[in-house]
Amino acid sequence: MDKLNEAEINQALQDMPGWNRSGDSITRTFTLPGFPDAIVFAAAVGNLAQRADHHPDILIQYKKVTLTLSTHSAGGLTAKDFALAKEVNGIAR
């Protein structure tokens, strides 16, 4: 999969509320009601990621879950990152 250019990344971010760019990655922190909810959310993200064969970094800090997405094989951001971020936003509601 090809890396997105700067204009494509900026456009994609406009459609991704809550996500921020950090170098060659996009990140978002979700705050859940408590630790069990954070674990359930992280597991749901893991299931989405496994189906997409695209695996984010997941950091759980009590009731906060931070996701970092990047396509390492492409050396930066691709459409796969934004597609998974969109799916994650859908389950976070």
Protein backbone atom coordinates (compact mmCIF):
# COMPACT_ATOMS: atom_id res chain seq x y z
CA MET A 1 0.00 0.00 0.00
CA ASP A 2 1.33 3.44 -0.92
CA LYS A 3 2.09 6.14 1.61
CA LEU A 4 -0.24 9.12 1.57
CA ASN A 5 1.17 12.53 0.69
CA GLU A 6 0.84 15.55 2.97
CA ALA A 7 -2.31 16.88 1.29
CA GLU A 8 -3.99 13.46 1.50
CA ILE A 9 -3.06 13.11 5.18
CA ASN A 10 -4.35 16.59 6.03
CA GLN A 11 -7.61 15.91 4.18
CA ALA A 12 -8.09 12.54 5.88
CA LEU A 13 -7.48 14.07 9.32
CA GLN A 14 -10.27 16.59 8.73
CA ASP A 15 -12.69 13.67 8.56
CA MET A 16 -11.30 11.99 11.69
CA PRO A 17 -12.48 13.77 14.86
CA GLY A 18 -10.22 13.21 17.83
CA TRP A 19 -7.25 11.88 15.88
CA ASN A 20 -3.98 13.81 15.75
CA ARG A 21 -0.87 13.40 13.70
CA SER A 22 2.37 12.54 15.42
CA GLY A 23 5.12 12.22 12.82
CA ASP A 24 4.40 9.19 10.64
CA SER A 25 1.49 8.10 12.86
CA ILE A 26 -1.96 9.16 13.97
CA THR A 27 -3.01 8.87 17.59
CA ARG A 28 -6.10 9.19 19.70
CA THR A 29 -6.74 8.74 23.40
CA PHE A 30 -10.13 7.43 24.49
CA THR A 31 -11.32 7.89 28.07
CA LEU A 32 -13.65 5.15 29.24
CA PRO A 33 -15.76 4.99 32.44
CA GLY A 34 -13.33 2.61 34.16
CA PHE A 35 -10.58 0.02 33.79
CA PRO A 36 -12.87 -2.90 32.80
CA ASP A 37 -14.38 -0.72 30.05
CA ALA A 38 -10.89 0.15 28.81
CA ILE A 39 -10.00 -3.54 28.57
CA VAL A 40 -13.22 -4.36 26.68
CA PHE A 41 -12.62 -1.43 24.31
CA ALA A 42 -9.01 -2.47 23.69
CA ALA A 43 -10.18 -6.02 22.93
CA ALA A 44 -12.79 -4.69 20.47
CA VAL A 45 -10.09 -2.63 18.74
CA GLY A 46 -7.93 -5.74 18.63
CA ASN A 47 -10.70 -7.66 16.89
CA LEU A 48 -11.14 -4.90 14.29
CA ALA A 49 -7.39 -4.76 13.75
CA GLN A 50 -7.10 -8.51 13.33
CA ARG A 51 -9.87 -8.57 10.71
CA ALA A 52 -8.14 -5.72 8.86
CA ASP A 53 -4.71 -7.34 9.26
CA HIS A 54 -3.52 -3.95 10.48
CA HIS A 55 -2.35 -3.75 14.08
CA PRO A 56 -2.10 -0.53 16.10
CA ASP A 57 -0.03 0.13 19.17
CA ILE A 58 -2.41 0.05 22.14
CA LEU A 59 -1.52 1.67 25.47
CA ILE A 60 -3.91 1.15 28.39
CA GLN A 61 -3.54 3.49 31.36
CA TYR A 62 -6.32 2.73 33.85
CA LYS A 63 -9.39 4.07 32.03
CA LYS A 64 -7.54 5.67 29.11
CA VAL A 65 -6.68 3.82 25.91
CA THR A 66 -4.28 5.44 23.47
CA LEU A 67 -4.08 4.07 19.94
CA THR A 68 -1.25 4.77 17.53
CA LEU A 69 -1.67 3.85 13.88
CA SER A 70 0.98 3.73 11.18
CA THR A 71 1.73 1.40 8.29
CA HIS A 72 5.25 0.33 9.16
CA SER A 73 5.71 -1.64 5.93
CA ALA A 74 5.04 1.57 3.94
CA GLY A 75 7.11 3.78 6.24
CA GLY A 76 4.25 6.10 7.19
CA LEU A 77 0.54 6.73 6.90
CA THR A 78 -1.64 4.93 4.36
CA ALA A 79 -5.34 4.58 3.69
CA LYS A 80 -5.32 1.50 5.97
CA ASP A 81 -4.58 3.71 8.98
CA PHE A 82 -7.49 6.01 8.33
CA ALA A 83 -9.85 3.13 7.51
CA LEU A 84 -9.08 1.47 10.86
CA ALA A 85 -9.33 4.80 12.70
CA LYS A 86 -12.78 5.30 11.20
CA GLU A 87 -13.88 1.84 12.37
CA VAL A 88 -12.53 2.54 15.85
CA ASN A 89 -14.44 5.83 15.98
CA GLY A 90 -17.56 3.85 15.12
CA ILE A 91 -17.24 1.51 18.11
CA ALA A 92 -16.21 4.32 20.47
CA ARG A 93 -19.61 6.00 20.35
